[in-house]
Amino acid sequence: AQGNQDFLGIAIVNNRVQFKFNVGSGIVEIVVDVIVTDGLWHKVKVDRRGAVGELTVDGTTQTKRALPGASVLNVNGNIYIGGIPNIAANTANHYTEDYRGCMKNFIIDDFVVNLQSTAINAVNTKPCQDYGAPARFDGSKVVRYLSDVNNGLRAFRRNSLRLTFKTRQSKTVLFWLGNRNDTQLRSDYIYAAVEEGVLTIRYNLGGGATTARILTLRVDDNQWHTIDVVRNLTNARLHVDHLETSATSLQQQQELNVAEYLYLGGVPENNNAFTREHNFNGCMVNVEINNKILQLSDHAVDSNVVFPMC
């Protein structure tokens, strides 16, 4: 590539903060081994002095020096917070999603940045609604929530769900959206589950099941993992941490016809895929349904749903 390639950026990769910069002698990458996708507040500090970079996350620091050569950051563009335009194209697909979450106390070179009033252009930003603390599921409960079907939508043409979890179970249900009294799974449904230790989504729009799985990453290791499921008509995309896969239903049907609630942590009744012994046992946080933050206790349909702290 030709021209100036200097840059400085902070990202979250594999649930950890990543600091990268290039002052002309090659890219320097620094990662601190602290999980930050657990729904709690974390303090991040980045410092670059010449060719030396330093990243501190919650008091843990890593330092790295660039190769000998240049030591000045030559950039003249705007500072982007939370993402950049055309992120995949402009990062050669190293990053594909803008930041979703909360920020506060943002300081650059001792200048306190008001993220709203000082922005040249603010897109998709609003006052932060907290996700709440991580909640523990102990396998004894399946919690139901209202869905757009309950709010009058006849059927789903699109579904999206995002959450962060950790568990030791090799087979367990994370979320389920389907119809009751369908023990043979012949009618419409979509679910995300851990099967044989890997993340699986499966959906049926009426003509047969379609499956997407990421086989190269085990998620039954009691470490935090973030999943992002998006179905648009017959197509579905699954992200697990930094990995992605997709699937397409070959049936003619394009809508998910369900008349039930969305369930977290298990299925409402036993079927030929899961029973109550596959209820989720672990921790869950940062749950979004159709791009809306879900408060796990407050938004539950049934009253007095209380989750122990994780």
C-alpha atoms as a PDB file:
ATOM      1  CA  ALA A   1       0.000   0.000   0.000  1.00  0.00           C
ATOM      2  CA  GLN A   2       1.117   3.552  -0.724  1.00  0.00           C
ATOM      3  CA  GLY A   3       0.945   6.722   1.351  1.00  0.00           C
ATOM      4  CA  ASN A   4       0.738   7.471   5.036  1.00  0.00           C
ATOM      5  CA  GLN A   5      -0.636   4.535   7.037  1.00  0.00           C
ATOM      6  CA  ASP A   6      -0.370   6.047  10.524  1.00  0.00           C
ATOM      7  CA  PHE A   7      -3.295   5.446  12.861  1.00  0.00           C
ATOM      8  CA  LEU A   8      -4.266   4.853  16.487  1.00  0.00           C
ATOM      9  CA  GLY A   9      -7.302   2.883  17.619  1.00  0.00           C
ATOM     10  CA  ILE A  10      -8.949   1.084  20.514  1.00  0.00           C
ATOM     11  CA  ALA A  11     -11.296  -1.873  19.999  1.00  0.00           C
ATOM     12  CA  ILE A  12     -12.825  -4.837  21.791  1.00  0.00           C
ATOM     13  CA  VAL A  13     -11.717  -8.159  20.309  1.00  0.00           C
ATOM     14  CA  ASN A  14     -12.371 -11.568  21.880  1.00  0.00           C
ATOM     15  CA  ASN A  15     -13.996  -9.824  24.870  1.00  0.00           C
ATOM     16  CA  ARG A  16     -10.791  -7.897  25.650  1.00  0.00           C
ATOM     17  CA  VAL A  17      -9.560  -4.369  24.959  1.00  0.00           C
ATOM     18  CA  GLN A  18      -7.140  -4.076  22.057  1.00  0.00           C
ATOM     19  CA  PHE A  19      -4.915  -1.022  21.447  1.00  0.00           C
ATOM     20  CA  LYS A  20      -3.289  -0.664  18.020  1.00  0.00           C
ATOM     21  CA  PHE A  21      -1.151   2.063  16.501  1.00  0.00           C
ATOM     22  CA  ASN A  22       1.263   2.653  13.649  1.00  0.00           C
ATOM     23  CA  VAL A  23       3.715   5.552  13.631  1.00  0.00           C
ATOM     24  CA  GLY A  24       5.367   4.492  10.408  1.00  0.00           C
ATOM     25  CA  SER A  25       7.451   1.473  11.404  1.00  0.00           C
ATOM     26  CA  GLY A  26       4.705  -1.175  11.551  1.00  0.00           C
ATOM     27  CA  ILE A  27       1.559  -1.950  13.511  1.00  0.00           C
ATOM     28  CA  VAL A  28       1.866  -2.383  17.275  1.00  0.00           C
ATOM     29  CA  GLU A  29      -0.877  -4.377  19.008  1.00  0.00           C
ATOM     30  CA  ILE A  30      -1.388  -4.452  22.775  1.00  0.00           C
ATOM     31  CA  VAL A  31      -4.020  -6.554  24.564  1.00  0.00           C
ATOM     32  CA  VAL A  32      -4.714  -6.779  28.294  1.00  0.00           C
ATOM     33  CA  ASP A  33      -6.140 -10.088  29.499  1.00  0.00           C
ATOM     34  CA  VAL A  34      -9.184  -8.640  31.281  1.00  0.00           C
ATOM     35  CA  ILE A  35     -12.699  -9.606  30.158  1.00  0.00           C
ATOM     36  CA  VAL A  36     -14.760  -6.434  29.539  1.00  0.00           C
ATOM     37  CA  THR A  37     -17.993  -7.868  28.050  1.00  0.00           C
ATOM     38  CA  ASP A  38     -19.513  -8.736  31.429  1.00  0.00           C
ATOM     39  CA  GLY A  39     -21.953  -5.824  31.701  1.00  0.00           C
ATOM     40  CA  LEU A  40     -19.887  -4.003  34.336  1.00  0.00           C
ATOM     41  CA  TRP A  41     -18.069  -0.677  34.095  1.00  0.00           C
ATOM     42  CA  HIS A  42     -14.363  -0.857  33.184  1.00  0.00           C
ATOM     43  CA  LYS A  43     -11.673   1.816  33.206  1.00  0.00           C
ATOM     44  CA  VAL A  44      -9.419   1.943  30.142  1.00  0.00           C
ATOM     45  CA  LYS A  45      -6.366   4.172  29.759  1.00  0.00           C
ATOM     46  CA  VAL A  46      -4.182   4.419  26.646  1.00  0.00           C
ATOM     47  CA  ASP A  47      -0.852   6.227  26.488  1.00  0.00           C
ATOM     48  CA  ARG A  48       1.538   6.584  23.548  1.00  0.00           C
ATOM     49  CA  ARG A  49       4.852   8.327  23.916  1.00  0.00           C
ATOM     50  CA  GLY A  50       6.791   8.234  20.675  1.00  0.00           C
ATOM     51  CA  ALA A  51       7.129   4.610  19.621  1.00  0.00           C
ATOM     52  CA  VAL A  52       6.043   3.194  23.001  1.00  0.00           C
ATOM     53  CA  GLY A  53       2.423   2.325  23.679  1.00  0.00           C
ATOM     54  CA  GLU A  54       0.803   1.469  26.986  1.00  0.00           C
ATOM     55  CA  LEU A  55      -2.654   0.027  27.696  1.00  0.00           C
ATOM     56  CA  THR A  56      -4.186  -0.188  31.168  1.00  0.00           C
ATOM     57  CA  VAL A  57      -7.488  -1.931  31.869  1.00  0.00           C
ATOM     58  CA  ASP A  58      -8.811  -1.895  35.435  1.00  0.00           C
ATOM     59  CA  GLY A  59      -5.299  -1.409  36.802  1.00  0.00           C
ATOM     60  CA  THR A  60      -3.566  -4.084  34.680  1.00  0.00           C
ATOM     61  CA  THR A  61      -0.971  -2.651  32.282  1.00  0.00           C
ATOM     62  CA  GLN A  62       0.800  -3.915  29.179  1.00  0.00           C
ATOM     63  CA  THR A  63       3.500  -1.978  27.287  1.00  0.00           C
ATOM     64  CA  LYS A  64       5.004  -2.524  23.838  1.00  0.00           C
ATOM     65  CA  ARG A  65       7.473  -0.630  21.642  1.00  0.00           C
ATOM     66  CA  ALA A  66       7.329  -0.202  17.859  1.00  0.00           C
ATOM     67  CA  LEU A  67      10.203  -1.284  15.663  1.00  0.00           C
ATOM     68  CA  PRO A  68      13.062   1.235  15.371  1.00  0.00           C
ATOM     69  CA  GLY A  69      12.314   4.085  13.020  1.00  0.00           C
ATOM     70  CA  ALA A  70       9.584   6.701  13.092  1.00  0.00           C
ATOM     71  CA  SER A  71       8.013   7.813  16.378  1.00  0.00           C
ATOM     72  CA  VAL A  72       5.564  10.571  15.379  1.00  0.00           C
ATOM     73  CA  LEU A  73       1.876   9.933  14.663  1.00  0.00           C
ATOM     74  CA  ASN A  74       1.109  11.766  11.419  1.00  0.00           C
ATOM     75  CA  VAL A  75      -2.673  12.042  11.096  1.00  0.00           C
ATOM     76  CA  ASN A  76      -4.905  14.959  10.134  1.00  0.00           C
ATOM     77  CA  GLY A  77      -8.445  13.543  10.117  1.00  0.00           C
ATOM     78  CA  ASN A  78     -11.257  13.533  12.654  1.00  0.00           C
ATOM     79  CA  ILE A  79     -11.383  11.390  15.775  1.00  0.00           C
ATOM     80  CA  TYR A  80     -14.116   8.762  15.541  1.00  0.00           C
ATOM     81  CA  ILE A  81     -15.644   7.360  18.730  1.00  0.00           C
ATOM     82  CA  GLY A  82     -17.713   4.189  18.636  1.00  0.00           C
ATOM     83  CA  GLY A  83     -16.828   3.202  15.067  1.00  0.00           C
ATOM     84  CA  ILE A  84     -15.861   4.566  11.672  1.00  0.00           C
ATOM     85  CA  PRO A  85     -17.754   4.963   8.397  1.00  0.00           C
ATOM     86  CA  ASN A  86     -17.848   1.768   6.319  1.00  0.00           C
ATOM     87  CA  ILE A  87     -16.007  -0.038   9.076  1.00  0.00           C
ATOM     88  CA  ALA A  88     -15.486  -3.362   7.297  1.00  0.00           C
ATOM     89  CA  ALA A  89     -14.163  -1.820   4.090  1.00  0.00           C
ATOM     90  CA  ASN A  90     -11.938   0.705   5.852  1.00  0.00           C
ATOM     91  CA  THR A  91     -10.347  -1.934   8.111  1.00  0.00           C
ATOM     92  CA  ALA A  92      -9.989  -4.706   5.506  1.00  0.00           C
ATOM     93  CA  ASN A  93     -12.609  -6.700   7.472  1.00  0.00           C
ATOM     94  CA  HIS A  94     -10.488  -6.745  10.625  1.00  0.00           C
ATOM     95  CA  TYR A  95     -13.482  -5.086  12.328  1.00  0.00           C
ATOM     96  CA  THR A  96     -17.095  -5.446  11.202  1.00  0.00           C
ATOM     97  CA  GLU A  97     -19.249  -3.872  13.931  1.00  0.00           C
ATOM     98  CA  ASP A  98     -19.444  -0.461  15.527  1.00  0.00           C
ATOM     99  CA  TYR A  99     -19.459  -0.210  19.318  1.00  0.00           C
ATOM    100  CA  ARG A 100     -22.696  -0.932  21.175  1.00  0.00           C
ATOM    101  CA  GLY A 101     -22.682  -0.085  24.856  1.00  0.00           C
ATOM    102  CA  CYS A 102     -22.066   2.783  27.249  1.00  0.00           C
ATOM    103  CA  MET A 103     -19.183   5.227  27.695  1.00  0.00           C
ATOM    104  CA  LYS A 104     -18.469   7.938  30.248  1.00  0.00           C
ATOM    105  CA  ASN A 105     -15.551  10.041  31.518  1.00  0.00           C
ATOM    106  CA  PHE A 106     -13.945  10.236  28.058  1.00  0.00           C
ATOM    107  CA  ILE A 107     -10.709  12.256  28.225  1.00  0.00           C
ATOM    108  CA  ILE A 108      -8.223  13.002  25.412  1.00  0.00           C
ATOM    109  CA  ASP A 109      -4.940  14.709  26.361  1.00  0.00           C
ATOM    110  CA  ASP A 110      -6.475  16.029  29.619  1.00  0.00           C
ATOM    111  CA  PHE A 111      -9.493  17.443  27.737  1.00  0.00           C
ATOM    112  CA  VAL A 112     -12.843  16.115  28.957  1.00  0.00           C
ATOM    113  CA  VAL A 113     -14.948  15.244  25.898  1.00  0.00           C
ATOM    114  CA  ASN A 114     -18.705  15.752  26.045  1.00  0.00           C
ATOM    115  CA  LEU A 115     -19.731  12.968  23.695  1.00  0.00           C
ATOM    116  CA  GLN A 116     -22.930  14.755  22.650  1.00  0.00           C
ATOM    117  CA  SER A 117     -22.242  18.493  22.565  1.00  0.00           C
ATOM    118  CA  THR A 118     -18.737  18.387  21.059  1.00  0.00           C
ATOM    119  CA  ALA A 119     -19.569  15.934  18.287  1.00  0.00           C
ATOM    120  CA  ILE A 120     -19.370  17.174  14.692  1.00  0.00           C
ATOM    121  CA  ASN A 121     -21.901  14.529  13.783  1.00  0.00           C
ATOM    122  CA  ALA A 122     -23.524  12.056  16.196  1.00  0.00           C
ATOM    123  CA  VAL A 123     -25.208   8.973  14.723  1.00  0.00           C
ATOM    124  CA  ASN A 124     -27.136   6.375  16.714  1.00  0.00           C
ATOM    125  CA  THR A 125     -26.192   7.817  20.093  1.00  0.00           C
ATOM    126  CA  LYS A 126     -28.486   8.428  23.049  1.00  0.00           C
ATOM    127  CA  PRO A 127     -28.364   8.564  26.847  1.00  0.00           C
ATOM    128  CA  CYS A 128     -27.236   5.210  28.151  1.00  0.00           C
ATOM    129  CA  GLN A 129     -29.637   2.654  29.558  1.00  0.00           C
ATOM    130  CA  ASP A 130     -27.749   0.230  31.761  1.00  0.00           C
ATOM    131  CA  TYR A 131     -27.952  -3.467  30.924  1.00  0.00           C
ATOM    132  CA  GLY A 132     -27.858  -4.367  34.603  1.00  0.00           C
ATOM    133  CA  ALA A 133     -25.495  -6.683  36.417  1.00  0.00           C
ATOM    134  CA  PRO A 134     -24.797 -10.233  35.205  1.00  0.00           C
ATOM    135  CA  ALA A 135     -27.573 -12.619  36.259  1.00  0.00           C
ATOM    136  CA  ARG A 136     -27.132 -16.213  37.380  1.00  0.00           C
ATOM    137  CA  PHE A 137     -29.379 -18.942  36.036  1.00  0.00           C
ATOM    138  CA  ASP A 138     -29.280 -22.109  38.129  1.00  0.00           C
ATOM    139  CA  GLY A 139     -31.252 -24.386  35.810  1.00  0.00           C
ATOM    140  CA  SER A 140     -34.413 -24.157  37.893  1.00  0.00           C
ATOM    141  CA  LYS A 141     -36.209 -21.485  35.880  1.00  0.00           C
ATOM    142  CA  VAL A 142     -37.174 -20.589  32.321  1.00  0.00           C
ATOM    143  CA  VAL A 143     -38.057 -16.893  32.076  1.00  0.00           C
ATOM    144  CA  ARG A 144     -40.492 -15.530  29.496  1.00  0.00           C
ATOM    145  CA  TYR A 145     -40.574 -12.070  27.947  1.00  0.00           C
ATOM    146  CA  LEU A 146     -42.920 -10.199  25.652  1.00  0.00           C
ATOM    147  CA  SER A 147     -42.063 -10.244  21.972  1.00  0.00           C
ATOM    148  CA  ASP A 148     -43.235  -8.178  19.016  1.00  0.00           C
ATOM    149  CA  VAL A 149     -45.828 -10.871  18.330  1.00  0.00           C
ATOM    150  CA  ASN A 150     -47.361 -10.156  21.722  1.00  0.00           C
ATOM    151  CA  ASN A 151     -47.435  -6.483  20.746  1.00  0.00           C
ATOM    152  CA  GLY A 152     -49.585  -7.143  17.679  1.00  0.00           C
ATOM    153  CA  LEU A 153     -47.136  -8.200  14.980  1.00  0.00           C
ATOM    154  CA  ARG A 154     -48.575 -11.137  13.035  1.00  0.00           C
ATOM    155  CA  ALA A 155     -45.267 -12.781  12.237  1.00  0.00           C
ATOM    156  CA  PHE A 156     -41.550 -12.127  12.290  1.00  0.00           C
ATOM    157  CA  ARG A 157     -39.800 -11.254   9.038  1.00  0.00           C
ATOM    158  CA  ARG A 158     -36.664 -10.415  11.007  1.00  0.00           C
ATOM    159  CA  ASN A 159     -35.260 -11.443  14.401  1.00  0.00           C
ATOM    160  CA  SER A 160     -32.167 -10.305  16.212  1.00  0.00           C
ATOM    161  CA  LEU A 161     -30.781 -11.264  19.588  1.00  0.00           C
ATOM    162  CA  ARG A 162     -27.494 -10.449  21.242  1.00  0.00           C
ATOM    163  CA  LEU A 163     -26.227 -11.605  24.638  1.00  0.00           C
ATOM    164  CA  THR A 164     -23.124 -12.468  26.609  1.00  0.00           C
ATOM    165  CA  PHE A 165     -22.937 -15.664  28.657  1.00  0.00           C
ATOM    166  CA  LYS A 166     -20.710 -18.206  30.338  1.00  0.00           C
ATOM    167  CA  THR A 167     -21.445 -21.815  31.263  1.00  0.00           C
ATOM    168  CA  ARG A 168     -19.864 -25.230  31.733  1.00  0.00           C
ATOM    169  CA  GLN A 169     -22.750 -27.080  30.080  1.00  0.00           C
ATOM    170  CA  SER A 170     -22.094 -28.856  26.796  1.00  0.00           C
ATOM    171  CA  LYS A 171     -25.827 -28.872  25.982  1.00  0.00           C
ATOM    172  CA  THR A 172     -28.120 -26.077  27.122  1.00  0.00           C
ATOM    173  CA  VAL A 173     -30.668 -23.591  25.773  1.00  0.00           C
ATOM    174  CA  LEU A 174     -29.897 -19.862  25.713  1.00  0.00           C
ATOM    175  CA  PHE A 175     -33.101 -18.570  24.100  1.00  0.00           C
ATOM    176  CA  TRP A 176     -36.190 -20.070  22.523  1.00  0.00           C
ATOM    177  CA  LEU A 177     -38.971 -18.526  20.425  1.00  0.00           C
ATOM    178  CA  GLY A 178     -41.629 -20.941  19.214  1.00  0.00           C
ATOM    179  CA  ASN A 179     -45.095 -22.345  19.766  1.00  0.00           C
ATOM    180  CA  ARG A 180     -46.361 -24.363  22.698  1.00  0.00           C
ATOM    181  CA  ASN A 181     -47.658 -27.914  22.305  1.00  0.00           C
ATOM    182  CA  ASP A 182     -45.150 -28.593  19.538  1.00  0.00           C
ATOM    183  CA  THR A 183     -43.154 -31.411  21.087  1.00  0.00           C
ATOM    184  CA  GLN A 184     -42.135 -32.765  17.668  1.00  0.00           C
ATOM    185  CA  LEU A 185     -40.925 -29.333  16.467  1.00  0.00           C
ATOM    186  CA  ARG A 186     -43.071 -29.372  13.357  1.00  0.00           C
ATOM    187  CA  SER A 187     -44.144 -25.711  13.491  1.00  0.00           C
ATOM    188  CA  ASP A 188     -42.131 -22.467  13.392  1.00  0.00           C
ATOM    189  CA  TYR A 189     -39.361 -21.740  15.892  1.00  0.00           C
ATOM    190  CA  ILE A 190     -35.893 -20.252  16.313  1.00  0.00           C
ATOM    191  CA  TYR A 191     -33.435 -20.949  19.109  1.00  0.00           C
ATOM    192  CA  ALA A 192     -29.814 -20.570  20.168  1.00  0.00           C
ATOM    193  CA  ALA A 193     -28.218 -23.309  22.233  1.00  0.00           C
ATOM    194  CA  VAL A 194     -24.958 -24.940  23.185  1.00  0.00           C
ATOM    195  CA  GLU A 195     -24.831 -28.370  21.553  1.00  0.00           C
ATOM    196  CA  GLU A 196     -21.796 -30.634  21.931  1.00  0.00           C
ATOM    197  CA  GLY A 197     -19.985 -27.662  23.428  1.00  0.00           C
ATOM    198  CA  VAL A 198     -20.394 -25.318  20.447  1.00  0.00           C
ATOM    199  CA  LEU A 199     -22.892 -22.551  19.692  1.00  0.00           C
ATOM    200  CA  THR A 200     -25.775 -23.557  17.438  1.00  0.00           C
ATOM    201  CA  ILE A 201     -28.772 -21.699  16.048  1.00  0.00           C
ATOM    202  CA  ARG A 202     -31.650 -23.533  14.429  1.00  0.00           C
ATOM    203  CA  TYR A 203     -34.811 -22.149  12.859  1.00  0.00           C
ATOM    204  CA  ASN A 204     -37.862 -23.513  11.065  1.00  0.00           C
ATOM    205  CA  LEU A 205     -40.074 -21.228   8.992  1.00  0.00           C
ATOM    206  CA  GLY A 206     -42.513 -24.035   8.260  1.00  0.00           C
ATOM    207  CA  GLY A 207     -40.715 -26.141   5.678  1.00  0.00           C
ATOM    208  CA  GLY A 208     -37.965 -27.754   7.722  1.00  0.00           C
ATOM    209  CA  ALA A 209     -35.104 -26.844  10.034  1.00  0.00           C
ATOM    210  CA  THR A 210     -32.030 -24.837   9.037  1.00  0.00           C
ATOM    211  CA  THR A 211     -28.892 -24.878  11.199  1.00  0.00           C
ATOM    212  CA  ALA A 212     -25.813 -22.699  11.647  1.00  0.00           C
ATOM    213  CA  ARG A 213     -22.952 -23.694  13.953  1.00  0.00           C
ATOM    214  CA  ILE A 214     -19.440 -22.506  14.731  1.00  0.00           C
ATOM    215  CA  LEU A 215     -17.468 -25.699  15.251  1.00  0.00           C
ATOM    216  CA  THR A 216     -14.020 -24.190  15.889  1.00  0.00           C
ATOM    217  CA  LEU A 217     -14.839 -22.507  19.214  1.00  0.00           C
ATOM    218  CA  ARG A 218     -15.996 -24.323  22.333  1.00  0.00           C
ATOM    219  CA  VAL A 219     -18.206 -22.200  24.576  1.00  0.00           C
ATOM    220  CA  ASP A 220     -18.650 -24.609  27.523  1.00  0.00           C
ATOM    221  CA  ASP A 221     -15.410 -23.399  29.155  1.00  0.00           C
ATOM    222  CA  ASN A 222     -16.993 -21.074  31.763  1.00  0.00           C
ATOM    223  CA  GLN A 223     -15.517 -18.052  29.974  1.00  0.00           C
ATOM    224  CA  TRP A 224     -17.530 -15.070  28.719  1.00  0.00           C
ATOM    225  CA  HIS A 225     -18.724 -15.385  25.114  1.00  0.00           C
ATOM    226  CA  THR A 226     -20.830 -12.936  23.116  1.00  0.00           C
ATOM    227  CA  ILE A 227     -23.310 -14.128  20.496  1.00  0.00           C
ATOM    228  CA  ASP A 228     -25.184 -12.100  17.915  1.00  0.00           C
ATOM    229  CA  VAL A 229     -28.000 -13.764  15.980  1.00  0.00           C
ATOM    230  CA  VAL A 230     -29.740 -11.999  13.088  1.00  0.00           C
ATOM    231  CA  ARG A 231     -32.368 -13.616  10.859  1.00  0.00           C
ATOM    232  CA  ASN A 232     -33.678 -11.702   7.865  1.00  0.00           C
ATOM    233  CA  LEU A 233     -36.354 -13.652   5.963  1.00  0.00           C
ATOM    234  CA  THR A 234     -34.697 -16.955   4.999  1.00  0.00           C
ATOM    235  CA  ASN A 235     -31.132 -15.881   5.837  1.00  0.00           C
ATOM    236  CA  ALA A 236     -29.510 -16.087   9.262  1.00  0.00           C
ATOM    237  CA  ARG A 237     -26.142 -14.868  10.504  1.00  0.00           C
ATOM    238  CA  LEU A 238     -24.399 -16.004  13.691  1.00  0.00           C
ATOM    239  CA  HIS A 239     -21.500 -14.225  15.387  1.00  0.00           C
ATOM    240  CA  VAL A 240     -19.715 -15.821  18.346  1.00  0.00           C
ATOM    241  CA  ASP A 241     -16.953 -13.591  19.672  1.00  0.00           C
ATOM    242  CA  HIS A 242     -14.724 -12.931  16.624  1.00  0.00           C
ATOM    243  CA  LEU A 243     -16.118 -15.748  14.467  1.00  0.00           C
ATOM    244  CA  GLU A 244     -19.023 -15.652  12.018  1.00  0.00           C
ATOM    245  CA  THR A 245     -21.108 -18.078   9.999  1.00  0.00           C
ATOM    246  CA  SER A 246     -24.396 -17.946   8.122  1.00  0.00           C
ATOM    247  CA  ALA A 247     -27.170 -20.151   6.774  1.00  0.00           C
ATOM    248  CA  THR A 248     -30.045 -19.884   4.305  1.00  0.00           C
ATOM    249  CA  SER A 249     -33.311 -21.778   4.441  1.00  0.00           C
ATOM    250  CA  LEU A 250     -34.123 -23.411   1.114  1.00  0.00           C
ATOM    251  CA  GLN A 251     -37.857 -23.468   1.859  1.00  0.00           C
ATOM    252  CA  GLN A 252     -40.332 -21.026   0.326  1.00  0.00           C
ATOM    253  CA  GLN A 253     -41.563 -19.653   3.637  1.00  0.00           C
ATOM    254  CA  GLN A 254     -40.002 -16.372   4.770  1.00  0.00           C
ATOM    255  CA  GLU A 255     -41.821 -15.501   7.992  1.00  0.00           C
ATOM    256  CA  LEU A 256     -41.585 -16.926  11.486  1.00  0.00           C
ATOM    257  CA  ASN A 257     -45.167 -17.533  12.612  1.00  0.00           C
ATOM    258  CA  VAL A 258     -45.199 -17.838  16.383  1.00  0.00           C
ATOM    259  CA  ALA A 259     -47.835 -16.966  18.927  1.00  0.00           C
ATOM    260  CA  GLU A 260     -45.793 -17.320  22.063  1.00  0.00           C
ATOM    261  CA  TYR A 261     -43.381 -15.502  24.308  1.00  0.00           C
ATOM    262  CA  LEU A 262     -39.622 -15.480  23.997  1.00  0.00           C
ATOM    263  CA  TYR A 263     -37.965 -17.676  26.618  1.00  0.00           C
ATOM    264  CA  LEU A 264     -34.508 -17.281  28.123  1.00  0.00           C
ATOM    265  CA  GLY A 265     -32.726 -20.167  29.809  1.00  0.00           C
ATOM    266  CA  GLY A 266     -34.696 -23.099  28.422  1.00  0.00           C
ATOM    267  CA  VAL A 267     -37.812 -24.342  26.658  1.00  0.00           C
ATOM    268  CA  PRO A 268     -41.359 -23.894  28.015  1.00  0.00           C
ATOM    269  CA  GLU A 269     -41.975 -27.633  27.793  1.00  0.00           C
ATOM    270  CA  ASN A 270     -40.064 -30.752  26.835  1.00  0.00           C
ATOM    271  CA  ASN A 271     -39.690 -31.452  23.113  1.00  0.00           C
ATOM    272  CA  ASN A 272     -37.666 -33.846  21.015  1.00  0.00           C
ATOM    273  CA  ALA A 273     -34.625 -31.532  21.092  1.00  0.00           C
ATOM    274  CA  PHE A 274     -34.494 -30.352  24.719  1.00  0.00           C
ATOM    275  CA  THR A 275     -35.892 -31.172  28.139  1.00  0.00           C
ATOM    276  CA  ARG A 276     -35.847 -29.301  31.417  1.00  0.00           C
ATOM    277  CA  GLU A 277     -32.500 -30.865  32.273  1.00  0.00           C
ATOM    278  CA  HIS A 278     -31.061 -28.705  29.491  1.00  0.00           C
ATOM    279  CA  ASN A 279     -32.130 -25.479  31.219  1.00  0.00           C
ATOM    280  CA  PHE A 280     -29.339 -22.932  31.316  1.00  0.00           C
ATOM    281  CA  ASN A 281     -26.960 -23.037  34.271  1.00  0.00           C
ATOM    282  CA  GLY A 282     -24.522 -20.160  34.176  1.00  0.00           C
ATOM    283  CA  CYS A 283     -24.386 -16.380  33.845  1.00  0.00           C
ATOM    284  CA  MET A 284     -25.955 -14.036  31.311  1.00  0.00           C
ATOM    285  CA  VAL A 285     -25.721 -10.280  30.661  1.00  0.00           C
ATOM    286  CA  ASN A 286     -26.004  -7.634  27.911  1.00  0.00           C
ATOM    287  CA  VAL A 287     -29.205  -9.081  26.439  1.00  0.00           C
ATOM    288  CA  GLU A 288     -30.760  -7.266  23.464  1.00  0.00           C
ATOM    289  CA  ILE A 289     -33.854  -8.422  21.583  1.00  0.00           C
ATOM    290  CA  ASN A 290     -34.505  -6.733  18.238  1.00  0.00           C
ATOM    291  CA  ASN A 291     -31.996  -4.018  19.233  1.00  0.00           C
ATOM    292  CA  LYS A 292     -33.809  -3.251  22.499  1.00  0.00           C
ATOM    293  CA  ILE A 293     -32.052  -3.695  25.834  1.00  0.00           C
ATOM    294  CA  LEU A 294     -33.710  -6.359  27.985  1.00  0.00           C
ATOM    295  CA  GLN A 295     -33.718  -5.896  31.742  1.00  0.00           C
ATOM    296  CA  LEU A 296     -33.725  -9.507  32.858  1.00  0.00           C
ATOM    297  CA  SER A 297     -35.757  -9.013  36.038  1.00  0.00           C
ATOM    298  CA  ASP A 298     -37.832  -5.913  35.306  1.00  0.00           C
ATOM    299  CA  HIS A 299     -38.986  -6.988  31.834  1.00  0.00           C
ATOM    300  CA  ALA A 300     -39.969 -10.542  32.747  1.00  0.00           C
ATOM    301  CA  VAL A 301     -43.658 -11.348  32.176  1.00  0.00           C
ATOM    302  CA  ASP A 302     -44.018 -13.128  35.501  1.00  0.00           C
ATOM    303  CA  SER A 303     -43.673 -11.010  38.628  1.00  0.00           C
ATOM    304  CA  ASN A 304     -41.066 -11.475  41.323  1.00  0.00           C
ATOM    305  CA  VAL A 305     -38.388 -12.881  39.014  1.00  0.00           C
ATOM    306  CA  VAL A 306     -35.149 -12.424  40.932  1.00  0.00           C
ATOM    307  CA  PHE A 307     -31.731 -13.477  39.700  1.00  0.00           C
ATOM    308  CA  PRO A 308     -28.792 -14.008  42.054  1.00  0.00           C
ATOM    309  CA  MET A 309     -25.697 -11.993  41.255  1.00  0.00           C
ATOM    310  CA  CYS A 310     -23.223 -13.858  39.135  1.00  0.00           C
END
